[in-house]
N, C-alpha and C. Protein backbone atom coordinates (compact mmCIF):
# COMPACT_ATOMS: atom_id res chain seq x y z
N MET A 1 47.11 -5.50 60.43
CA MET A 1 46.09 -5.46 59.41
C MET A 1 44.86 -6.17 59.92
N ARG A 2 43.75 -5.62 59.61
CA ARG A 2 42.47 -6.14 60.07
C ARG A 2 41.93 -7.15 59.07
N SER A 3 41.44 -8.26 59.51
CA SER A 3 40.91 -9.27 58.59
C SER A 3 39.42 -9.02 58.36
N LEU A 4 39.00 -9.32 57.15
CA LEU A 4 37.60 -9.14 56.78
C LEU A 4 36.84 -10.43 57.06
N SER A 5 35.69 -10.26 57.65
CA SER A 5 34.87 -11.44 57.89
C SER A 5 34.13 -11.80 56.59
N ARG A 6 33.72 -13.02 56.55
CA ARG A 6 32.98 -13.49 55.38
C ARG A 6 31.69 -12.69 55.20
N ARG A 7 31.03 -12.36 56.27
CA ARG A 7 29.78 -11.60 56.23
C ARG A 7 30.03 -10.20 55.65
N THR A 8 31.07 -9.54 56.06
CA THR A 8 31.40 -8.21 55.57
C THR A 8 31.73 -8.26 54.08
N LEU A 9 32.46 -9.27 53.69
CA LEU A 9 32.83 -9.42 52.28
C LEU A 9 31.60 -9.64 51.40
N LEU A 10 30.67 -10.50 51.86
CA LEU A 10 29.45 -10.74 51.08
C LEU A 10 28.58 -9.50 51.01
N ARG A 11 28.46 -8.78 52.14
CA ARG A 11 27.65 -7.55 52.15
C ARG A 11 28.25 -6.52 51.20
N GLY A 12 29.52 -6.37 51.21
CA GLY A 12 30.19 -5.41 50.32
C GLY A 12 30.04 -5.80 48.86
N GLY A 13 30.14 -7.10 48.60
CA GLY A 13 29.97 -7.58 47.22
C GLY A 13 28.56 -7.33 46.71
N ALA A 14 27.57 -7.57 47.58
CA ALA A 14 26.17 -7.34 47.19
C ALA A 14 25.92 -5.86 46.93
N LEU A 15 26.49 -5.02 47.77
CA LEU A 15 26.32 -3.57 47.55
C LEU A 15 27.00 -3.13 46.25
N GLY A 16 28.14 -3.74 45.96
CA GLY A 16 28.85 -3.41 44.72
C GLY A 16 28.05 -3.81 43.49
N VAL A 17 27.47 -5.00 43.52
CA VAL A 17 26.66 -5.48 42.39
C VAL A 17 25.44 -4.59 42.22
N THR A 18 24.81 -4.23 43.34
CA THR A 18 23.63 -3.35 43.28
C THR A 18 24.00 -1.99 42.70
N ALA A 19 25.13 -1.46 43.12
CA ALA A 19 25.57 -0.15 42.61
C ALA A 19 25.85 -0.21 41.11
N LEU A 20 26.47 -1.28 40.66
CA LEU A 20 26.75 -1.43 39.23
C LEU A 20 25.46 -1.57 38.42
N THR A 21 24.52 -2.31 38.97
CA THR A 21 23.25 -2.51 38.28
C THR A 21 22.51 -1.19 38.15
N VAL A 22 22.44 -0.44 39.23
CA VAL A 22 21.76 0.86 39.21
C VAL A 22 22.48 1.82 38.27
N ALA A 23 23.78 1.83 38.29
CA ALA A 23 24.54 2.71 37.42
C ALA A 23 24.35 2.32 35.95
N GLY A 24 24.29 1.02 35.70
CA GLY A 24 24.08 0.56 34.31
C GLY A 24 22.72 0.94 33.80
N CYS A 25 21.71 0.84 34.65
CA CYS A 25 20.35 1.21 34.24
C CYS A 25 20.24 2.71 34.02
N ALA A 26 20.90 3.47 34.89
CA ALA A 26 20.83 4.92 34.77
C ALA A 26 21.58 5.40 33.54
N ALA A 27 22.65 4.71 33.18
CA ALA A 27 23.44 5.13 32.03
C ALA A 27 22.74 4.84 30.71
N GLU A 28 21.85 3.88 30.73
CA GLU A 28 21.14 3.52 29.50
C GLU A 28 20.10 4.59 29.20
N GLU A 29 20.29 5.25 28.07
CA GLU A 29 19.34 6.29 27.67
C GLU A 29 18.21 5.67 26.88
N ARG A 30 17.07 6.19 27.09
CA ARG A 30 15.93 5.70 26.31
C ARG A 30 15.92 6.41 24.98
N LYS A 31 15.89 5.63 23.96
CA LYS A 31 15.85 6.17 22.61
C LYS A 31 14.39 6.24 22.18
N PRO A 32 14.03 7.32 21.49
CA PRO A 32 12.63 7.39 21.04
C PRO A 32 12.33 6.25 20.07
N LEU A 33 11.17 5.68 20.24
CA LEU A 33 10.76 4.59 19.36
C LEU A 33 10.37 5.15 18.00
N ARG A 34 10.94 4.56 16.99
CA ARG A 34 10.59 4.96 15.63
C ARG A 34 9.66 3.91 15.05
N ALA A 35 8.73 4.37 14.29
CA ALA A 35 7.84 3.44 13.61
C ALA A 35 8.66 2.70 12.55
N ALA A 36 8.41 1.44 12.45
CA ALA A 36 9.10 0.65 11.42
C ALA A 36 8.69 1.17 10.05
N PRO A 37 9.63 1.18 9.11
CA PRO A 37 9.26 1.65 7.77
C PRO A 37 8.16 0.75 7.20
N PRO A 38 7.26 1.32 6.43
CA PRO A 38 6.17 0.50 5.88
C PRO A 38 6.72 -0.57 4.94
N ASP A 39 6.03 -1.67 4.92
CA ASP A 39 6.40 -2.77 4.04
C ASP A 39 6.25 -2.30 2.59
N PRO A 40 7.28 -2.47 1.75
CA PRO A 40 7.19 -2.01 0.36
C PRO A 40 6.01 -2.61 -0.40
N GLU A 41 5.68 -3.87 -0.11
CA GLU A 41 4.54 -4.49 -0.80
C GLU A 41 3.23 -3.86 -0.36
N THR A 42 3.12 -3.48 0.90
CA THR A 42 1.90 -2.81 1.37
C THR A 42 1.77 -1.44 0.72
N VAL A 43 2.88 -0.73 0.61
CA VAL A 43 2.87 0.58 -0.05
C VAL A 43 2.44 0.41 -1.50
N LEU A 44 3.01 -0.59 -2.18
CA LEU A 44 2.65 -0.85 -3.58
C LEU A 44 1.18 -1.22 -3.70
N LEU A 45 0.69 -2.06 -2.82
CA LEU A 45 -0.72 -2.45 -2.86
C LEU A 45 -1.62 -1.21 -2.70
N ARG A 46 -1.27 -0.33 -1.79
CA ARG A 46 -2.07 0.89 -1.60
C ARG A 46 -2.08 1.74 -2.86
N GLN A 47 -0.91 1.85 -3.51
CA GLN A 47 -0.83 2.63 -4.75
C GLN A 47 -1.69 1.98 -5.85
N LEU A 48 -1.60 0.68 -5.96
CA LEU A 48 -2.38 -0.03 -6.97
C LEU A 48 -3.88 0.11 -6.70
N ILE A 49 -4.26 0.02 -5.44
CA ILE A 49 -5.68 0.16 -5.07
C ILE A 49 -6.17 1.56 -5.42
N ALA A 50 -5.39 2.58 -5.09
CA ALA A 50 -5.79 3.96 -5.41
C ALA A 50 -5.92 4.15 -6.93
N GLY A 51 -4.99 3.58 -7.68
CA GLY A 51 -5.07 3.67 -9.14
C GLY A 51 -6.29 2.97 -9.71
N LYS A 52 -6.59 1.78 -9.17
CA LYS A 52 -7.77 1.05 -9.65
C LYS A 52 -9.05 1.80 -9.31
N GLU A 53 -9.09 2.42 -8.14
CA GLU A 53 -10.27 3.20 -7.78
C GLU A 53 -10.48 4.35 -8.76
N GLN A 54 -9.40 5.01 -9.14
CA GLN A 54 -9.50 6.10 -10.12
C GLN A 54 -9.95 5.58 -11.48
N THR A 55 -9.39 4.45 -11.89
CA THR A 55 -9.76 3.87 -13.18
C THR A 55 -11.24 3.49 -13.20
N ILE A 56 -11.71 2.86 -12.14
CA ILE A 56 -13.13 2.48 -12.06
C ILE A 56 -14.01 3.72 -12.10
N ALA A 57 -13.59 4.77 -11.41
CA ALA A 57 -14.36 6.02 -11.41
C ALA A 57 -14.44 6.60 -12.81
N LEU A 58 -13.34 6.54 -13.56
CA LEU A 58 -13.36 7.06 -14.94
C LEU A 58 -14.28 6.22 -15.83
N TYR A 59 -14.19 4.91 -15.69
CA TYR A 59 -15.09 4.05 -16.48
C TYR A 59 -16.55 4.29 -16.10
N SER A 60 -16.79 4.55 -14.82
CA SER A 60 -18.16 4.82 -14.37
C SER A 60 -18.69 6.14 -14.91
N SER A 61 -17.78 7.06 -15.23
CA SER A 61 -18.23 8.37 -15.73
C SER A 61 -18.73 8.28 -17.17
N VAL A 62 -18.42 7.18 -17.86
CA VAL A 62 -18.87 6.98 -19.23
C VAL A 62 -20.05 6.01 -19.20
N ALA A 63 -21.19 6.51 -19.56
CA ALA A 63 -22.39 5.66 -19.54
C ALA A 63 -22.46 4.88 -20.85
N SER A 64 -21.79 3.74 -20.86
CA SER A 64 -21.78 2.90 -22.05
C SER A 64 -21.82 1.43 -21.63
N ALA A 65 -22.79 0.72 -22.17
CA ALA A 65 -22.90 -0.71 -21.85
C ALA A 65 -21.70 -1.48 -22.39
N LYS A 66 -21.07 -0.97 -23.46
CA LYS A 66 -19.92 -1.65 -24.04
C LYS A 66 -18.71 -1.61 -23.11
N LEU A 67 -18.64 -0.59 -22.24
CA LEU A 67 -17.50 -0.45 -21.35
C LEU A 67 -17.71 -1.14 -20.00
N ALA A 68 -18.91 -1.62 -19.74
CA ALA A 68 -19.20 -2.28 -18.45
C ALA A 68 -18.27 -3.47 -18.19
N PRO A 69 -17.99 -4.33 -19.17
CA PRO A 69 -17.07 -5.45 -18.89
C PRO A 69 -15.65 -4.98 -18.51
N PHE A 70 -15.21 -3.87 -19.09
CA PHE A 70 -13.89 -3.32 -18.75
C PHE A 70 -13.88 -2.90 -17.27
N ARG A 71 -14.91 -2.15 -16.89
CA ARG A 71 -15.02 -1.68 -15.50
C ARG A 71 -15.12 -2.88 -14.54
N GLU A 72 -15.89 -3.88 -14.91
CA GLU A 72 -16.06 -5.06 -14.05
C GLU A 72 -14.73 -5.80 -13.84
N ARG A 73 -13.89 -5.85 -14.88
CA ARG A 73 -12.59 -6.49 -14.72
C ARG A 73 -11.72 -5.68 -13.75
N HIS A 74 -11.79 -4.36 -13.87
CA HIS A 74 -11.04 -3.52 -12.93
C HIS A 74 -11.57 -3.67 -11.51
N GLU A 75 -12.87 -3.84 -11.37
CA GLU A 75 -13.44 -4.07 -10.03
C GLU A 75 -12.96 -5.40 -9.45
N ALA A 76 -12.82 -6.41 -10.31
CA ALA A 76 -12.29 -7.70 -9.85
C ALA A 76 -10.82 -7.55 -9.43
N HIS A 77 -10.05 -6.77 -10.19
CA HIS A 77 -8.66 -6.52 -9.82
C HIS A 77 -8.61 -5.81 -8.46
N LEU A 78 -9.46 -4.82 -8.30
CA LEU A 78 -9.49 -4.06 -7.05
C LEU A 78 -9.82 -4.97 -5.86
N ALA A 79 -10.79 -5.84 -6.05
CA ALA A 79 -11.17 -6.76 -4.97
C ALA A 79 -10.00 -7.67 -4.58
N GLU A 80 -9.27 -8.17 -5.56
CA GLU A 80 -8.14 -9.04 -5.28
C GLU A 80 -7.00 -8.27 -4.62
N LEU A 81 -6.74 -7.06 -5.07
CA LEU A 81 -5.70 -6.24 -4.45
C LEU A 81 -6.04 -5.94 -2.99
N ARG A 82 -7.29 -5.60 -2.74
CA ARG A 82 -7.72 -5.33 -1.36
C ARG A 82 -7.61 -6.59 -0.50
N ARG A 83 -7.89 -7.74 -1.08
CA ARG A 83 -7.80 -9.00 -0.34
C ARG A 83 -6.35 -9.26 0.09
N ARG A 84 -5.40 -8.83 -0.70
CA ARG A 84 -3.98 -9.06 -0.41
C ARG A 84 -3.40 -8.04 0.57
N LEU A 85 -4.13 -6.97 0.83
CA LEU A 85 -3.66 -5.96 1.76
C LEU A 85 -3.65 -6.56 3.17
N PRO A 86 -2.54 -6.45 3.90
CA PRO A 86 -2.50 -7.03 5.26
C PRO A 86 -3.62 -6.47 6.13
N PRO A 87 -4.13 -7.26 7.07
CA PRO A 87 -5.25 -6.82 7.90
C PRO A 87 -4.95 -5.58 8.73
N ASP A 88 -3.66 -5.38 9.12
CA ASP A 88 -3.33 -4.22 9.93
C ASP A 88 -3.14 -2.96 9.11
N ALA A 89 -3.10 -3.08 7.79
CA ALA A 89 -2.96 -1.91 6.92
C ALA A 89 -4.34 -1.35 6.62
N THR A 90 -4.43 -0.06 6.69
CA THR A 90 -5.72 0.56 6.40
C THR A 90 -5.86 0.75 4.90
N PRO A 91 -6.92 0.21 4.31
CA PRO A 91 -7.10 0.38 2.87
C PRO A 91 -7.54 1.80 2.55
N THR A 92 -7.30 2.17 1.31
CA THR A 92 -7.77 3.48 0.87
C THR A 92 -9.28 3.42 0.76
N PRO A 93 -9.97 4.48 1.12
CA PRO A 93 -11.43 4.44 1.04
C PRO A 93 -11.87 4.39 -0.41
N ALA A 94 -12.88 3.60 -0.66
CA ALA A 94 -13.42 3.46 -2.01
C ALA A 94 -14.34 4.64 -2.31
N PRO A 95 -14.18 5.27 -3.47
CA PRO A 95 -15.10 6.33 -3.82
C PRO A 95 -16.46 5.74 -4.17
N PRO A 96 -17.52 6.46 -3.90
CA PRO A 96 -18.84 5.95 -4.27
C PRO A 96 -18.90 5.73 -5.78
N SER A 97 -19.61 4.70 -6.20
CA SER A 97 -19.68 4.43 -7.64
C SER A 97 -20.36 5.58 -8.34
N GLY A 98 -19.81 5.90 -9.50
CA GLY A 98 -20.34 7.02 -10.28
C GLY A 98 -19.72 8.35 -9.90
N SER A 99 -18.83 8.36 -8.92
CA SER A 99 -18.16 9.59 -8.51
C SER A 99 -16.68 9.47 -8.79
N PRO A 100 -16.23 9.90 -9.95
CA PRO A 100 -14.82 9.77 -10.26
C PRO A 100 -13.97 10.66 -9.38
N ALA A 101 -12.77 10.17 -9.09
CA ALA A 101 -11.83 10.94 -8.29
C ALA A 101 -11.04 11.86 -9.20
N PRO A 102 -10.47 12.92 -8.67
CA PRO A 102 -9.61 13.76 -9.50
C PRO A 102 -8.41 12.96 -9.96
N SER A 103 -7.80 13.38 -11.05
CA SER A 103 -6.73 12.58 -11.64
C SER A 103 -5.50 12.49 -10.77
N GLY A 104 -5.27 13.41 -9.84
CA GLY A 104 -4.07 13.40 -9.02
C GLY A 104 -4.13 12.42 -7.88
N SER A 105 -5.27 12.30 -7.21
CA SER A 105 -5.35 11.43 -6.04
C SER A 105 -6.78 10.98 -5.86
N PRO A 106 -6.97 9.90 -5.07
CA PRO A 106 -8.33 9.44 -4.85
C PRO A 106 -9.10 10.44 -4.02
N ALA A 107 -10.41 10.46 -4.20
CA ALA A 107 -11.25 11.39 -3.45
C ALA A 107 -11.26 11.00 -1.98
N PRO A 108 -11.11 11.99 -1.08
CA PRO A 108 -11.17 11.65 0.34
C PRO A 108 -12.57 11.17 0.69
N SER A 109 -12.65 10.29 1.68
CA SER A 109 -13.95 9.74 2.03
C SER A 109 -14.87 10.83 2.54
N GLY A 110 -16.10 10.77 2.15
CA GLY A 110 -17.09 11.74 2.58
C GLY A 110 -17.19 12.95 1.69
N SER A 111 -16.25 13.13 0.77
CA SER A 111 -16.32 14.30 -0.11
C SER A 111 -15.98 13.91 -1.54
N PRO A 112 -16.90 13.21 -2.21
CA PRO A 112 -16.63 12.81 -3.59
C PRO A 112 -16.53 14.03 -4.49
N THR A 113 -15.54 14.01 -5.34
CA THR A 113 -15.32 15.12 -6.26
C THR A 113 -15.64 14.64 -7.67
N PRO A 114 -16.71 15.14 -8.25
CA PRO A 114 -17.01 14.70 -9.61
C PRO A 114 -15.96 15.23 -10.57
N GLY A 115 -15.53 14.37 -11.46
CA GLY A 115 -14.53 14.76 -12.44
C GLY A 115 -15.14 14.83 -13.82
N PRO A 116 -14.36 15.21 -14.79
CA PRO A 116 -14.88 15.28 -16.15
C PRO A 116 -15.16 13.89 -16.69
N LYS A 117 -16.09 13.84 -17.63
CA LYS A 117 -16.42 12.58 -18.26
C LYS A 117 -15.24 12.15 -19.13
N ALA A 118 -14.85 10.90 -18.99
CA ALA A 118 -13.70 10.39 -19.73
C ALA A 118 -14.09 10.02 -21.16
N SER A 119 -13.18 10.24 -22.08
CA SER A 119 -13.40 9.82 -23.46
C SER A 119 -12.76 8.46 -23.67
N LEU A 120 -13.07 7.82 -24.77
CA LEU A 120 -12.45 6.53 -25.10
C LEU A 120 -10.94 6.69 -25.24
N ARG A 121 -10.51 7.80 -25.82
CA ARG A 121 -9.07 8.05 -25.98
C ARG A 121 -8.40 8.18 -24.61
N THR A 122 -9.05 8.87 -23.67
CA THR A 122 -8.50 9.02 -22.32
C THR A 122 -8.38 7.65 -21.65
N LEU A 123 -9.40 6.83 -21.78
CA LEU A 123 -9.37 5.50 -21.19
C LEU A 123 -8.28 4.63 -21.82
N GLN A 124 -8.13 4.75 -23.12
CA GLN A 124 -7.12 3.95 -23.82
C GLN A 124 -5.71 4.35 -23.36
N ARG A 125 -5.46 5.65 -23.24
CA ARG A 125 -4.15 6.11 -22.76
C ARG A 125 -3.90 5.69 -21.31
N LEU A 126 -4.94 5.75 -20.51
CA LEU A 126 -4.83 5.32 -19.12
C LEU A 126 -4.44 3.84 -19.05
N GLU A 127 -5.09 3.03 -19.86
CA GLU A 127 -4.80 1.60 -19.89
C GLU A 127 -3.36 1.34 -20.39
N GLN A 128 -2.92 2.08 -21.40
CA GLN A 128 -1.57 1.92 -21.92
C GLN A 128 -0.53 2.26 -20.86
N LYS A 129 -0.73 3.39 -20.19
CA LYS A 129 0.23 3.82 -19.16
C LYS A 129 0.27 2.82 -18.01
N ALA A 130 -0.89 2.34 -17.60
CA ALA A 130 -0.95 1.38 -16.50
C ALA A 130 -0.25 0.08 -16.88
N ALA A 131 -0.51 -0.41 -18.10
CA ALA A 131 0.11 -1.65 -18.55
C ALA A 131 1.63 -1.51 -18.66
N ALA A 132 2.10 -0.35 -19.09
CA ALA A 132 3.54 -0.11 -19.21
C ALA A 132 4.22 -0.01 -17.84
N LEU A 133 3.50 0.40 -16.84
CA LEU A 133 4.04 0.55 -15.50
C LEU A 133 4.18 -0.77 -14.76
N ARG A 134 3.36 -1.75 -15.07
CA ARG A 134 3.33 -3.01 -14.31
C ARG A 134 4.67 -3.75 -14.27
N PRO A 135 5.41 -3.88 -15.38
CA PRO A 135 6.70 -4.60 -15.29
C PRO A 135 7.69 -3.93 -14.34
N LEU A 136 7.60 -2.63 -14.19
CA LEU A 136 8.50 -1.91 -13.28
C LEU A 136 8.12 -2.15 -11.82
N GLN A 137 6.87 -2.49 -11.58
CA GLN A 137 6.38 -2.66 -10.21
C GLN A 137 6.65 -4.05 -9.65
N ILE A 138 7.00 -5.01 -10.48
CA ILE A 138 7.14 -6.38 -9.98
C ILE A 138 8.54 -6.72 -9.50
N GLU A 139 9.48 -5.82 -9.67
CA GLU A 139 10.85 -6.10 -9.25
C GLU A 139 10.96 -6.11 -7.73
N GLY A 140 11.49 -7.19 -7.19
CA GLY A 140 11.75 -7.29 -5.77
C GLY A 140 10.56 -7.58 -4.88
N ILE A 141 9.45 -8.02 -5.45
CA ILE A 141 8.29 -8.35 -4.62
C ILE A 141 8.07 -9.86 -4.65
N SER A 142 7.17 -10.32 -3.82
CA SER A 142 6.92 -11.76 -3.73
C SER A 142 6.41 -12.29 -5.08
N PRO A 143 6.73 -13.53 -5.38
CA PRO A 143 6.28 -14.11 -6.66
C PRO A 143 4.76 -14.08 -6.84
N ALA A 144 4.02 -14.32 -5.79
CA ALA A 144 2.55 -14.35 -5.91
C ALA A 144 2.02 -12.97 -6.28
N LEU A 145 2.53 -11.93 -5.64
CA LEU A 145 2.07 -10.57 -5.95
C LEU A 145 2.57 -10.15 -7.33
N ALA A 146 3.79 -10.55 -7.68
CA ALA A 146 4.32 -10.23 -9.01
C ALA A 146 3.45 -10.86 -10.10
N GLN A 147 3.01 -12.08 -9.87
CA GLN A 147 2.15 -12.76 -10.85
C GLN A 147 0.82 -12.03 -10.99
N LEU A 148 0.24 -11.60 -9.88
CA LEU A 148 -1.02 -10.86 -9.93
C LEU A 148 -0.85 -9.55 -10.70
N ILE A 149 0.20 -8.82 -10.40
CA ILE A 149 0.43 -7.52 -11.05
C ILE A 149 0.69 -7.72 -12.55
N ALA A 150 1.43 -8.75 -12.90
CA ALA A 150 1.67 -9.04 -14.32
C ALA A 150 0.37 -9.39 -15.03
N SER A 151 -0.49 -10.14 -14.37
CA SER A 151 -1.79 -10.50 -14.96
C SER A 151 -2.66 -9.26 -15.14
N ILE A 152 -2.64 -8.39 -14.15
CA ILE A 152 -3.41 -7.14 -14.26
C ILE A 152 -2.87 -6.31 -15.42
N GLY A 153 -1.54 -6.25 -15.56
CA GLY A 153 -0.94 -5.51 -16.67
C GLY A 153 -1.32 -6.07 -18.02
N ALA A 154 -1.38 -7.40 -18.12
CA ALA A 154 -1.78 -8.03 -19.38
C ALA A 154 -3.23 -7.68 -19.72
N CYS A 155 -4.08 -7.66 -18.71
CA CYS A 155 -5.48 -7.29 -18.92
C CYS A 155 -5.59 -5.84 -19.37
N GLU A 156 -4.80 -4.97 -18.73
CA GLU A 156 -4.82 -3.55 -19.12
C GLU A 156 -4.31 -3.35 -20.54
N ALA A 157 -3.30 -4.12 -20.92
CA ALA A 157 -2.79 -4.03 -22.30
C ALA A 157 -3.86 -4.48 -23.29
N ALA A 158 -4.60 -5.53 -22.96
CA ALA A 158 -5.69 -5.99 -23.83
C ALA A 158 -6.79 -4.93 -23.91
N HIS A 159 -7.06 -4.26 -22.79
CA HIS A 159 -8.06 -3.17 -22.80
C HIS A 159 -7.61 -2.06 -23.74
N ALA A 160 -6.32 -1.70 -23.68
CA ALA A 160 -5.81 -0.62 -24.52
C ALA A 160 -5.97 -0.95 -25.99
N VAL A 161 -5.71 -2.20 -26.36
CA VAL A 161 -5.87 -2.62 -27.75
C VAL A 161 -7.34 -2.60 -28.15
N ALA A 162 -8.21 -3.11 -27.28
CA ALA A 162 -9.64 -3.13 -27.58
C ALA A 162 -10.21 -1.72 -27.70
N LEU A 163 -9.78 -0.83 -26.82
CA LEU A 163 -10.26 0.56 -26.89
C LEU A 163 -9.75 1.26 -28.13
N ALA A 164 -8.52 0.96 -28.54
CA ALA A 164 -7.98 1.57 -29.77
C ALA A 164 -8.79 1.17 -30.99
N ARG A 165 -9.28 -0.06 -31.00
CA ARG A 165 -10.11 -0.52 -32.12
C ARG A 165 -11.46 0.16 -32.14
N SER A 166 -11.91 0.61 -30.96
CA SER A 166 -13.22 1.26 -30.88
C SER A 166 -13.18 2.72 -31.32
N LEU A 167 -11.98 3.29 -31.39
CA LEU A 167 -11.85 4.72 -31.74
C LEU A 167 -12.11 4.97 -33.20
């Protein structure tokens, strides 16, 4: 029987390790990278921002000095919601003032779509629906955002009551 020298044994061991390393790398398949699912709070913020933009557009379609404070409160809500949007998230484009968006979705940037003039009854129903939706939106989100959404809902409920008195 032939004896193995230390040099031969080390060379063979190094070749074996190299072969295993190359085989391991080759066996590893590259999986396509998937985009991480969007953060639920970011998605919610975008929805709230789009809704506020539509509400502001409807209030802007009614030329009434009495409704200006209502619109201004919605503009303040919109500003705070946009402030909470993460910097890497793209905000929804704001429609130009006085150009209401269609009721289904916000107007795409660069192409404002004038909508029908809103009535007080339409505004009141919009405020009622928005206020009723807010408690459903706060489940499972951060306490700070939940508090903001609850406050916005309370303001919308007060608007609905005030508008009902004006009818």
